[in-house]
């Protein structure tokens, strides 16, 4: 691996990935998709060696610019690896799928996913990077289909769509079942590098709680002064 490019806004994920990977590989951080496209079009990128590009996309990403940048990269570095992380819309995912690019969503733990990526590259298995993030999450009688963006309660057949933020919140809470997640920790992992109001967080929690309330086995509990807990039913509880 000649170089790993981290393409995206200057938010915590690029710093944390760079910290984990820099001691083992050459890492270049590029601030935006537009700058990445400019680098390719101006022939400022090296034309030899094998590269990995990790692209951070957001819901606001312009489809035309995204397609142009990815097509340019694939034309120049046909033997290299590229994947996308972030919270893209359905149209972004469809574009990535059409180009054969793995979309990994938002890793629950950025540092751990970067360490896994490092181990995979060292072992020569970076082509299976799509395994870093599972497409579904199962907690109690709840199943979250990340690809379809839906929540199902298996016992009752309840089935409703989830927003990307609701999926991300559930994802974070599910890493510490029956343990409290603080407001600060939740904000850091769901809205990394973004200032978000308490009312915005509370409204997302409220909408997600209404859906989780359809479950027989799970509850989203508020720990006043601490945060929230995704609780699994014990015998005789609830």
Protein backbone atom coordinates (compact mmCIF):
# COMPACT_ATOMS: atom_id res chain seq x y z
CA UNK A 1 0.00 0.00 0.00
CA UNK A 2 1.68 3.21 -1.21
CA UNK A 3 -0.67 5.71 0.42
CA UNK A 4 -4.03 6.05 2.17
CA UNK A 5 -6.12 9.11 1.37
CA UNK A 6 -8.70 10.38 3.88
CA UNK A 7 -11.12 12.60 2.00
CA UNK A 8 -13.67 14.65 3.94
CA UNK A 9 -14.33 17.59 6.20
CA UNK A 10 -11.83 18.43 8.91
CA UNK A 11 -13.82 16.67 11.60
CA UNK A 12 -12.69 14.18 14.28
CA UNK A 13 -12.89 11.07 12.10
CA UNK A 14 -9.98 12.19 9.86
CA UNK A 15 -7.80 12.99 12.88
CA UNK A 16 -8.54 9.67 14.58
CA UNK A 17 -8.02 7.60 11.43
CA UNK A 18 -4.78 9.48 10.71
CA UNK A 19 -3.50 8.97 14.27
CA UNK A 20 -4.02 5.20 14.01
CA UNK A 21 -2.73 4.74 10.46
CA UNK A 22 0.09 7.29 10.10
CA UNK A 23 2.70 5.24 11.96
CA UNK A 24 2.19 2.32 9.60
CA UNK A 25 1.30 3.86 6.20
CA UNK A 26 1.70 7.13 4.34
CA UNK A 27 -1.52 9.05 5.01
CA UNK A 28 -2.73 12.16 3.22
CA UNK A 29 -5.73 14.11 4.45
CA UNK A 30 -7.73 16.04 1.86
CA UNK A 31 -10.23 18.53 3.23
CA UNK A 32 -13.09 18.14 0.75
CA UNK A 33 -14.43 16.18 -2.20
CA UNK A 34 -13.91 19.24 -4.39
CA UNK A 35 -10.22 19.46 -3.47
CA UNK A 36 -9.84 15.73 -4.09
CA UNK A 37 -11.33 16.11 -7.57
CA UNK A 38 -9.06 19.10 -8.25
CA UNK A 39 -6.02 17.10 -7.16
CA UNK A 40 -6.89 14.33 -9.61
CA UNK A 41 -7.73 16.63 -12.53
CA UNK A 42 -4.56 18.70 -12.11
CA UNK A 43 -2.43 15.54 -12.15
CA UNK A 44 -1.09 16.35 -8.70
CA UNK A 45 -1.72 12.80 -7.51
CA UNK A 46 1.05 10.21 -7.96
CA UNK A 47 0.39 7.87 -10.88
CA UNK A 48 2.20 4.81 -9.61
CA UNK A 49 1.62 2.48 -6.68
CA UNK A 50 -1.50 1.11 -5.03
CA UNK A 51 -3.68 3.45 -3.04
CA UNK A 52 -6.63 3.28 -0.70
CA UNK A 53 -9.14 6.13 -0.57
CA UNK A 54 -11.54 6.46 2.35
CA UNK A 55 -14.17 9.03 1.42
CA UNK A 56 -16.42 10.70 3.99
CA UNK A 57 -19.78 11.68 2.46
CA UNK A 58 -22.63 13.60 4.03
CA UNK A 59 -26.31 13.95 3.20
CA UNK A 60 -25.52 17.31 1.55
CA UNK A 61 -22.96 15.87 -0.92
CA UNK A 62 -23.58 16.95 -4.51
CA UNK A 63 -24.26 13.87 -6.66
CA UNK A 64 -22.67 15.28 -9.81
CA UNK A 65 -19.45 16.26 -8.03
CA UNK A 66 -19.38 12.90 -6.22
CA UNK A 67 -19.79 10.96 -9.47
CA UNK A 68 -17.13 13.02 -11.24
CA UNK A 69 -14.55 12.58 -8.47
CA UNK A 70 -15.15 8.85 -8.07
CA UNK A 71 -15.10 8.19 -11.81
CA UNK A 72 -11.82 10.08 -12.12
CA UNK A 73 -10.25 8.08 -9.28
CA UNK A 74 -11.41 4.74 -10.70
CA UNK A 75 -10.14 5.63 -14.18
CA UNK A 76 -6.67 6.52 -12.86
CA UNK A 77 -6.32 3.92 -10.09
CA UNK A 78 -8.25 0.93 -11.39
CA UNK A 79 -6.30 -1.51 -9.19
CA UNK A 80 -6.66 0.52 -6.00
CA UNK A 81 -9.31 0.39 -3.30
CA UNK A 82 -11.94 2.99 -2.45
CA UNK A 83 -14.74 2.94 0.09
CA UNK A 84 -17.13 5.48 1.54
CA UNK A 85 -18.19 6.19 5.12
CA UNK A 86 -20.74 8.64 6.47
CA UNK A 87 -24.47 9.28 6.25
CA UNK A 88 -25.24 9.44 2.55
CA UNK A 89 -28.78 9.50 1.16
CA UNK A 90 -30.36 6.70 -0.89
CA UNK A 91 -29.19 8.40 -4.11
CA UNK A 92 -25.59 8.45 -2.84
CA UNK A 93 -25.77 4.74 -1.97
CA UNK A 94 -27.23 3.92 -5.39
CA UNK A 95 -24.39 5.82 -7.10
CA UNK A 96 -21.75 4.06 -5.01
CA UNK A 97 -23.34 0.68 -5.68
CA UNK A 98 -23.38 1.36 -9.42
CA UNK A 99 -19.65 2.12 -9.32
CA UNK A 100 -18.90 -0.98 -7.24
CA UNK A 101 -17.79 1.05 -4.20
CA UNK A 102 -18.46 -0.27 -0.70
CA UNK A 103 -20.53 2.05 1.51
CA UNK A 104 -19.75 1.36 5.17
CA UNK A 105 -22.10 3.78 6.91
CA UNK A 106 -20.85 5.28 10.16
CA UNK A 107 -18.62 3.00 12.27
CA UNK A 108 -19.74 2.88 15.90
CA UNK A 109 -16.20 3.37 17.14
CA UNK A 110 -13.95 5.32 14.77
CA UNK A 111 -10.68 4.40 16.48
CA UNK A 112 -11.53 0.68 16.57
CA UNK A 113 -12.58 0.69 12.91
CA UNK A 114 -9.30 2.39 11.97
CA UNK A 115 -7.36 -0.26 13.94
CA UNK A 116 -9.30 -3.00 12.15
CA UNK A 117 -8.53 -1.36 8.82
CA UNK A 118 -4.82 -1.27 9.72
CA UNK A 119 -4.83 -4.98 10.60
CA UNK A 120 -6.68 -5.84 7.38
CA UNK A 121 -4.21 -3.92 5.22
CA UNK A 122 -1.26 -5.47 7.02
CA UNK A 123 -2.79 -8.88 6.33
CA UNK A 124 -3.43 -8.06 2.67
CA UNK A 125 -7.21 -8.31 3.03
CA UNK A 126 -8.30 -4.69 2.50
CA UNK A 127 -10.61 -5.81 -0.32
CA UNK A 128 -13.03 -7.14 2.31
CA UNK A 129 -13.33 -3.78 4.03
CA UNK A 130 -17.11 -3.91 3.67
CA UNK A 131 -17.13 -6.28 6.67
CA UNK A 132 -16.10 -3.44 9.00
CA UNK A 133 -19.76 -2.43 9.47
CA UNK A 134 -22.60 -4.95 9.64
CA UNK A 135 -25.71 -4.25 7.56
CA UNK A 136 -28.04 -5.15 10.45
CA UNK A 137 -28.19 -4.84 14.24
CA UNK A 138 -30.16 -7.27 16.45
CA UNK A 139 -30.94 -6.36 20.06
CA UNK A 140 -33.63 -8.35 21.87
CA UNK A 141 -36.66 -8.59 19.58
CA UNK A 142 -35.56 -5.51 17.58
CA UNK A 143 -33.78 -5.79 14.26
CA UNK A 144 -32.35 -2.70 12.55
CA UNK A 145 -31.77 -3.09 8.81
CA UNK A 146 -29.20 -0.36 8.14
CA UNK A 147 -29.27 -0.81 4.38
CA UNK A 148 -33.07 -0.52 4.14
CA UNK A 149 -33.16 2.04 7.02
CA UNK A 150 -35.95 0.23 8.85
CA UNK A 151 -36.68 -1.06 12.34
CA UNK A 152 -38.60 -4.30 12.85
CA UNK A 153 -40.00 -5.83 16.01
CA UNK A 154 -39.74 -9.52 15.23
CA UNK A 155 -42.43 -10.69 17.64
CA UNK A 156 -45.18 -8.39 16.35
CA UNK A 157 -44.30 -7.55 12.75
CA UNK A 158 -43.93 -3.83 13.57
CA UNK A 159 -41.93 -2.31 10.72
CA UNK A 160 -41.15 1.41 10.31
CA UNK A 161 -38.48 3.51 8.58
CA UNK A 162 -35.65 5.11 10.53
CA UNK A 163 -33.75 8.29 9.76
CA UNK A 164 -29.94 8.07 9.48
CA UNK A 165 -29.62 9.82 12.85
CA UNK A 166 -32.05 7.39 14.52
CA UNK A 167 -30.01 4.47 13.19
CA UNK A 168 -26.81 6.06 14.43
CA UNK A 169 -28.26 6.73 17.90
CA UNK A 170 -29.47 3.13 18.17
CA UNK A 171 -26.07 1.94 16.94
CA UNK A 172 -24.25 3.89 19.66
CA UNK A 173 -26.67 2.83 22.42
CA UNK A 174 -26.45 -0.82 21.33
CA UNK A 175 -22.70 -0.88 22.03
CA UNK A 176 -23.44 -0.51 25.78
CA UNK A 177 -26.70 -2.36 26.37
CA UNK A 178 -28.03 -1.86 29.93
CA UNK A 179 -25.35 0.78 30.54
CA UNK A 180 -25.87 4.54 30.46
CA UNK A 181 -24.51 6.61 27.58
CA UNK A 182 -23.98 10.25 28.53
CA UNK A 183 -25.37 13.10 26.47
CA UNK A 184 -21.84 14.32 25.69
CA UNK A 185 -20.72 10.88 24.51
CA UNK A 186 -23.83 10.45 22.35
CA UNK A 187 -23.37 13.85 20.71
CA UNK A 188 -19.68 13.17 20.06
CA UNK A 189 -20.45 9.89 18.28
CA UNK A 190 -23.65 10.88 16.45
CA UNK A 191 -22.77 14.47 15.53
CA UNK A 192 -18.93 14.40 15.45
CA UNK A 193 -17.41 17.88 15.23
CA UNK A 194 -20.83 19.56 15.05
CA UNK A 195 -22.42 21.86 17.64
CA UNK A 196 -25.95 20.60 18.25
CA UNK A 197 -28.62 21.93 20.60
CA UNK A 198 -30.07 19.93 23.48
CA UNK A 199 -33.56 20.23 21.94
CA UNK A 200 -32.32 18.65 18.70
CA UNK A 201 -30.86 15.68 20.57
CA UNK A 202 -34.00 15.31 22.69
CA UNK A 203 -36.31 15.36 19.65
CA UNK A 204 -34.31 12.57 17.97
CA UNK A 205 -34.37 10.53 21.19
CA UNK A 206 -38.13 11.08 21.55
CA UNK A 207 -38.90 9.86 18.02
CA UNK A 208 -36.67 6.82 18.43
CA UNK A 209 -38.20 5.99 21.82
CA UNK A 210 -41.72 5.83 20.33
CA UNK A 211 -40.51 3.14 17.94
CA UNK A 212 -38.57 1.20 20.55
CA UNK A 213 -41.69 1.27 22.75
CA UNK A 214 -43.26 -1.18 20.27
CA UNK A 215 -40.78 -3.80 21.52
CA UNK A 216 -41.58 -6.35 24.23
CA UNK A 217 -37.94 -6.77 25.21
CA UNK A 218 -36.27 -3.34 24.88
CA UNK A 219 -36.74 0.09 26.40
CA UNK A 220 -34.96 3.39 25.87
CA UNK A 221 -34.61 4.77 29.39
CA UNK A 222 -33.71 8.29 30.42
CA UNK A 223 -31.13 8.56 33.19
CA UNK A 224 -31.70 12.07 34.46
CA UNK A 225 -28.44 13.93 34.78
CA UNK A 226 -26.55 11.06 33.12
CA UNK A 227 -27.91 10.23 29.67
CA UNK A 228 -29.79 7.28 28.20
CA UNK A 229 -29.76 3.50 28.40
CA UNK A 230 -30.92 0.92 25.88
CA UNK A 231 -32.27 -1.66 28.31
CA UNK A 232 -33.00 -5.32 27.59
CA UNK A 233 -35.89 -6.92 29.46
CA UNK A 234 -34.99 -9.22 32.33
CA UNK A 235 -37.45 -11.80 33.63
CA UNK A 236 -40.22 -10.00 35.53
CA UNK A 237 -39.12 -6.47 34.54
CA UNK A 238 -40.90 -3.80 32.47
